[in-house]
Amino acid sequence: MRWGLVCKPDKKSLSIGKEIYELIGDAMLEKKIASYLAKPGHTIKEIGENADKIVVVGGDGTILMVLRYTTKPIFTINTGSVGFLAETEPDHAVEGMKKVLDGEYIIDERKRIKAVLNGERLPDATNEVTIHVSNVGKILSLELTVDGIPTEDVDGDGIIISTPTGSTSYSLSVGGPIVDPSIGAFIVAPIAPFRHISSPLVIPDNKKLEVKVMREKSAKVIVDGIRAGMLSKGDEIILSLSEKKSPFIRLEEDFYRRVYEMLSFSVKRAKDGKNKGN
């Protein structure tokens, strides 16, 4: 078994990474944690291709970056803010890692979105593909078709197409629903629609979605928070279910507990912010 270890480059994450490294012994280390430990380092891409399993210490952004380069199982330790994708918190990192090493875990395979822009395949999305107007203050006009059938015209800042995994992320912030990952679906949510009749759609993930730019405005294509391309008038992006998956190492099946904790955290943070302002 060859482990990989990737850490967010901050003191807390690197310190936890050191503890994990001491537990698992020899591992392929990403360059930042390798430098911290004075060991040889590798790129995330190299780790993604050659490690059998990967430990990721960081927030959702770090986790999504690793998944961009691998389909290997990952065990995730949260050192970010909400960390909805992460399996365990820093206080339980060592205990959780010991359970994984003892084989006390399950694999939670999450679906991805395949995105093809003007014939070129982009990186798959674990969370979402976002199409967003390039110039702030301008309206982007998009046409959405499902299996070749015109379904909705969106005039606004853009549109988000997310997986159930991504339904708790950017999509949720624009009014999209939370969808259980066991449900095979795409969530299509408009961003700041000019027409208020536009509303999120939940579409079976065996459908093919096409989004086309209808007016002479440029748009950015963003995959899991990273810019992946541009769209101009007449360009289209085709979205479908990927053949690849994102496998998470889980200590237990607890999606609804995570949802509860995430929403409770958001309410607490909002209250704390309000109290500070008084």
Protein backbone atom coordinates (compact mmCIF):
# COMPACT_ATOMS: atom_id res chain seq x y z
CA MET A 1 0.00 0.00 0.00
CA ARG A 2 1.46 3.31 -1.07
CA TRP A 3 0.06 6.37 0.66
CA GLY A 4 0.10 9.95 -0.54
CA LEU A 5 -0.08 13.00 1.75
CA VAL A 6 -1.21 16.47 0.71
CA CYS A 7 -1.52 19.38 3.16
CA LYS A 8 -2.75 22.92 2.97
CA PRO A 9 0.36 25.13 3.44
CA ASP A 10 -0.42 26.57 6.87
CA LYS A 11 1.06 25.81 10.27
CA LYS A 12 -1.93 23.88 11.61
CA SER A 13 -2.30 21.65 8.54
CA LEU A 14 1.42 20.93 8.29
CA SER A 15 1.60 20.06 11.99
CA ILE A 16 -1.26 17.56 11.59
CA GLY A 17 0.40 16.27 8.43
CA LYS A 18 3.53 15.52 10.44
CA GLU A 19 1.51 13.41 12.90
CA ILE A 20 -0.15 11.52 10.06
CA TYR A 21 3.18 10.90 8.35
CA GLU A 22 4.58 9.41 11.55
CA LEU A 23 1.60 7.03 11.64
CA ILE A 24 1.66 5.83 8.05
CA GLY A 25 5.43 5.78 7.65
CA ASP A 26 6.73 6.04 4.12
CA ALA A 27 4.47 8.10 1.84
CA MET A 28 4.54 10.22 -1.29
CA LEU A 29 4.61 13.76 0.08
CA GLU A 30 3.33 16.84 -1.71
CA LYS A 31 6.07 19.46 -1.95
CA LYS A 32 4.88 21.74 0.88
CA ILE A 33 4.60 19.04 3.54
CA ALA A 34 7.79 17.47 2.14
CA SER A 35 9.66 20.74 2.69
CA TYR A 36 8.23 20.98 6.22
CA LEU A 37 9.52 17.46 6.97
CA ALA A 38 12.77 17.90 5.00
CA LYS A 39 11.84 14.99 2.72
CA PRO A 40 11.67 14.54 -1.08
CA GLY A 41 8.50 16.01 -2.57
CA HIS A 42 6.09 15.33 -5.43
CA THR A 43 3.43 17.25 -7.33
CA ILE A 44 -0.25 16.58 -6.61
CA LYS A 45 -0.53 15.12 -10.10
CA GLU A 46 2.30 12.64 -9.41
CA ILE A 47 0.70 11.62 -6.12
CA GLY A 48 -2.71 11.29 -7.74
CA GLU A 49 -1.35 8.96 -10.41
CA ASN A 50 0.95 6.80 -8.27
CA ALA A 51 -0.39 6.58 -4.71
CA ASP A 52 -2.95 3.90 -3.80
CA LYS A 53 -4.71 6.05 -1.20
CA ILE A 54 -4.26 9.71 -0.27
CA VAL A 55 -4.61 11.67 2.97
CA VAL A 56 -5.66 15.28 2.45
CA VAL A 57 -5.30 17.81 5.27
CA GLY A 58 -7.04 21.09 4.48
CA GLY A 59 -10.37 22.60 3.51
CA ASP A 60 -12.76 21.80 0.68
CA GLY A 61 -10.58 23.73 -1.77
CA THR A 62 -7.57 21.52 -1.07
CA ILE A 63 -9.72 18.39 -1.32
CA LEU A 64 -11.18 19.43 -4.69
CA MET A 65 -7.70 20.24 -6.00
CA VAL A 66 -6.51 16.71 -5.17
CA LEU A 67 -9.61 15.15 -6.76
CA ARG A 68 -8.81 17.06 -9.94
CA TYR A 69 -5.83 14.73 -10.38
CA THR A 70 -6.98 11.39 -9.02
CA THR A 71 -9.71 8.78 -8.74
CA LYS A 72 -7.96 7.06 -5.82
CA PRO A 73 -9.65 6.90 -2.38
CA ILE A 74 -8.93 9.91 -0.18
CA PHE A 75 -9.12 10.32 3.60
CA THR A 76 -9.83 13.93 4.47
CA ILE A 77 -9.01 15.96 7.60
CA ASN A 78 -10.62 19.38 7.87
CA THR A 79 -8.50 22.44 8.67
CA GLY A 80 -10.69 24.82 6.66
CA SER A 81 -13.86 26.62 7.74
CA VAL A 82 -16.96 24.48 7.13
CA GLY A 83 -15.15 21.54 5.51
CA PHE A 84 -18.27 19.71 4.37
CA LEU A 85 -16.27 17.28 2.23
CA ALA A 86 -13.89 16.36 5.04
CA GLU A 87 -14.28 13.18 7.07
CA THR A 88 -12.82 14.22 10.41
CA GLU A 89 -11.69 17.22 12.44
CA PRO A 90 -8.13 17.91 13.67
CA ASP A 91 -8.84 16.72 17.24
CA HIS A 92 -9.79 13.28 15.89
CA ALA A 93 -7.29 13.08 13.03
CA VAL A 94 -4.90 10.57 14.60
CA GLU A 95 -7.71 8.39 15.96
CA GLY A 96 -9.43 8.43 12.56
CA MET A 97 -6.23 7.59 10.71
CA LYS A 98 -5.62 4.62 13.00
CA LYS A 99 -9.09 3.28 12.16
CA VAL A 100 -8.36 3.63 8.46
CA LEU A 101 -5.06 1.78 8.84
CA ASP A 102 -6.95 -0.98 10.69
CA GLY A 103 -9.42 -1.27 7.81
CA GLU A 104 -12.37 0.19 9.74
CA TYR A 105 -13.83 2.31 6.96
CA ILE A 106 -16.15 2.33 3.96
CA ILE A 107 -15.70 3.85 0.49
CA ASP A 108 -18.22 6.53 -0.43
CA GLU A 109 -18.13 6.95 -4.22
CA ARG A 110 -19.43 10.34 -5.35
CA LYS A 111 -20.46 11.04 -8.94
CA ARG A 112 -18.75 13.62 -11.14
CA ILE A 113 -19.82 15.85 -14.01
CA LYS A 114 -18.15 15.48 -17.40
CA ALA A 115 -17.83 18.83 -19.20
CA VAL A 116 -16.97 19.26 -22.88
CA LEU A 117 -16.37 22.81 -24.11
CA ASN A 118 -16.43 23.24 -27.90
CA GLY A 119 -15.26 19.63 -28.32
CA GLU A 120 -12.54 19.77 -25.66
CA ARG A 121 -12.98 17.82 -22.41
CA LEU A 122 -12.40 19.85 -19.27
CA PRO A 123 -11.45 18.44 -15.85
CA ASP A 124 -14.36 16.59 -14.25
CA ALA A 125 -16.30 18.32 -11.48
CA THR A 126 -16.92 16.74 -8.09
CA ASN A 127 -18.91 19.77 -6.90
CA GLU A 128 -20.02 21.94 -9.79
CA VAL A 129 -19.47 23.56 -13.15
CA THR A 130 -20.19 27.30 -13.09
CA ILE A 131 -20.75 29.50 -16.13
CA HIS A 132 -20.40 33.14 -15.05
CA VAL A 133 -20.42 36.44 -16.91
CA SER A 134 -16.88 37.81 -17.31
CA ASN A 135 -17.75 41.49 -16.87
CA VAL A 136 -19.36 42.44 -13.57
CA GLY A 137 -22.60 44.35 -14.05
CA LYS A 138 -23.38 42.81 -17.45
CA ILE A 139 -26.20 40.35 -18.14
CA LEU A 140 -25.33 36.96 -19.59
CA SER A 141 -27.95 35.25 -21.78
CA LEU A 142 -27.82 31.46 -21.79
CA GLU A 143 -29.97 28.74 -23.32
CA LEU A 144 -30.28 25.43 -21.48
CA THR A 145 -31.35 22.31 -23.33
CA VAL A 146 -31.87 18.84 -21.85
CA ASP A 147 -31.44 15.92 -24.26
CA GLY A 148 -31.82 18.39 -27.12
CA ILE A 149 -35.06 19.91 -25.81
CA PRO A 150 -34.99 23.66 -24.98
CA THR A 151 -35.67 23.83 -21.25
CA GLU A 152 -34.87 27.29 -19.92
CA ASP A 153 -33.45 30.66 -20.96
CA VAL A 154 -31.38 32.28 -18.24
CA ASP A 155 -30.62 36.01 -18.20
CA GLY A 156 -28.44 36.95 -15.26
CA ASP A 157 -24.95 36.47 -13.86
CA GLY A 158 -24.76 32.84 -14.95
CA ILE A 159 -25.71 29.30 -14.05
CA ILE A 160 -24.42 26.52 -11.79
CA ILE A 161 -24.69 22.84 -12.66
CA SER A 162 -23.84 20.79 -9.59
CA THR A 163 -23.71 17.20 -8.41
CA PRO A 164 -25.55 16.20 -5.22
CA THR A 165 -22.14 16.49 -3.54
CA GLY A 166 -21.93 20.10 -4.72
CA SER A 167 -25.51 20.87 -3.69
CA THR A 168 -24.21 21.95 -0.26
CA SER A 169 -21.73 24.39 -1.80
CA TYR A 170 -22.11 27.30 -4.28
CA SER A 171 -25.45 26.00 -5.55
CA LEU A 172 -26.94 26.20 -2.05
CA SER A 173 -25.88 29.85 -1.72
CA VAL A 174 -28.00 30.83 -4.74
CA GLY A 175 -31.10 28.99 -3.58
CA GLY A 176 -30.48 25.48 -4.88
CA PRO A 177 -31.75 22.48 -2.88
CA ILE A 178 -29.66 20.09 -0.82
CA VAL A 179 -29.76 16.71 -2.57
CA ASP A 180 -28.80 13.37 -1.01
CA PRO A 181 -25.70 11.97 -2.82
CA SER A 182 -27.47 8.63 -3.29
CA ILE A 183 -29.86 10.34 -5.72
CA GLY A 184 -28.69 10.43 -9.34
CA ALA A 185 -29.26 14.04 -10.30
CA PHE A 186 -27.86 17.29 -11.59
CA ILE A 187 -28.92 20.51 -9.88
CA VAL A 188 -29.20 23.50 -12.23
CA ALA A 189 -29.32 26.83 -10.39
CA PRO A 190 -29.36 30.29 -12.02
CA ILE A 191 -27.15 33.00 -10.50
CA ALA A 192 -28.93 36.34 -9.89
CA PRO A 193 -31.51 35.77 -12.65
CA PHE A 194 -32.97 38.92 -14.23
CA ARG A 195 -36.33 37.16 -14.51
CA HIS A 196 -37.55 35.93 -11.14
CA ILE A 197 -39.48 33.06 -12.74
CA SER A 198 -36.12 31.32 -13.19
CA SER A 199 -35.72 28.70 -10.47
CA PRO A 200 -33.40 25.77 -9.71
CA LEU A 201 -34.05 22.51 -11.55
CA VAL A 202 -33.28 18.95 -10.49
CA ILE A 203 -32.60 16.79 -13.55
CA PRO A 204 -31.83 13.03 -13.73
CA ASP A 205 -28.12 12.48 -14.28
CA ASN A 206 -28.72 10.18 -17.25
CA LYS A 207 -29.65 13.27 -19.26
CA LYS A 208 -27.29 15.38 -21.39
CA LEU A 209 -27.30 19.10 -20.70
CA GLU A 210 -26.16 21.77 -23.14
CA VAL A 211 -25.61 25.41 -22.23
CA LYS A 212 -25.18 27.91 -25.04
CA VAL A 213 -24.25 31.61 -24.95
CA MET A 214 -26.92 33.53 -26.86
CA ARG A 215 -25.56 37.08 -26.93
CA GLU A 216 -22.22 38.71 -27.52
CA LYS A 217 -20.99 38.49 -23.97
CA SER A 218 -18.06 36.41 -22.78
CA ALA A 219 -18.42 33.96 -19.92
CA LYS A 220 -16.00 32.12 -17.66
CA VAL A 221 -16.27 28.37 -17.17
CA ILE A 222 -15.24 27.44 -13.64
CA VAL A 223 -14.83 23.82 -12.54
CA ASP A 224 -14.77 23.24 -8.77
CA GLY A 225 -13.62 26.80 -8.15
CA ILE A 226 -10.88 26.86 -10.80
CA ARG A 227 -11.22 28.66 -14.12
CA ALA A 228 -11.18 26.09 -16.92
CA GLY A 229 -12.17 28.00 -20.08
CA MET A 230 -14.12 30.79 -21.77
CA LEU A 231 -17.38 30.95 -23.71
CA SER A 232 -18.39 33.50 -26.35
CA LYS A 233 -21.57 33.99 -28.40
CA GLY A 234 -22.55 30.72 -30.08
CA ASP A 235 -20.23 28.58 -27.96
CA GLU A 236 -21.69 25.68 -26.00
CA ILE A 237 -20.70 23.43 -23.17
CA ILE A 238 -22.07 19.89 -22.92
CA LEU A 239 -22.51 18.36 -19.48
CA SER A 240 -23.17 14.72 -18.64
CA LEU A 241 -22.42 12.08 -16.05
CA SER A 242 -18.72 11.20 -15.96
CA GLU A 243 -17.49 7.63 -16.04
CA LYS A 244 -15.11 8.60 -13.21
CA LYS A 245 -16.00 8.92 -9.54
CA SER A 246 -14.59 10.61 -6.45
CA PRO A 247 -14.08 7.94 -3.74
CA PHE A 248 -13.99 9.20 -0.15
CA ILE A 249 -12.78 7.08 2.76
CA ARG A 250 -15.50 7.34 5.42
CA LEU A 251 -15.51 6.11 8.99
CA GLU A 252 -19.32 6.03 8.91
CA GLU A 253 -22.24 6.98 6.67
CA ASP A 254 -23.39 10.31 8.05
CA PHE A 255 -24.60 12.65 5.28
CA TYR A 256 -27.53 14.02 7.28
CA ARG A 257 -25.39 14.61 10.37
CA ARG A 258 -23.03 16.61 8.17
CA VAL A 259 -25.91 18.66 6.78
CA TYR A 260 -27.16 19.36 10.31
CA GLU A 261 -23.71 20.37 11.54
CA MET A 262 -23.09 22.57 8.49
CA LEU A 263 -26.39 24.42 8.85
CA SER A 264 -25.91 24.76 12.62
CA PHE A 265 -22.41 26.15 12.05
CA SER A 266 -23.74 28.68 9.55
CA VAL A 267 -26.45 29.85 11.97
CA LYS A 268 -23.94 30.12 14.83
CA ARG A 269 -21.48 32.09 12.68
CA ALA A 270 -24.27 34.47 11.61
CA LYS A 271 -25.32 35.02 15.24
CA ASP A 272 -21.72 35.58 16.35
CA GLY A 273 -21.26 38.14 13.59
CA LYS A 274 -24.47 39.93 14.57
CA ASN A 275 -23.45 40.03 18.24
CA LYS A 276 -20.05 41.49 17.36
CA GLY A 277 -21.78 44.23 15.42
CA ASN A 278 -23.94 45.24 18.43
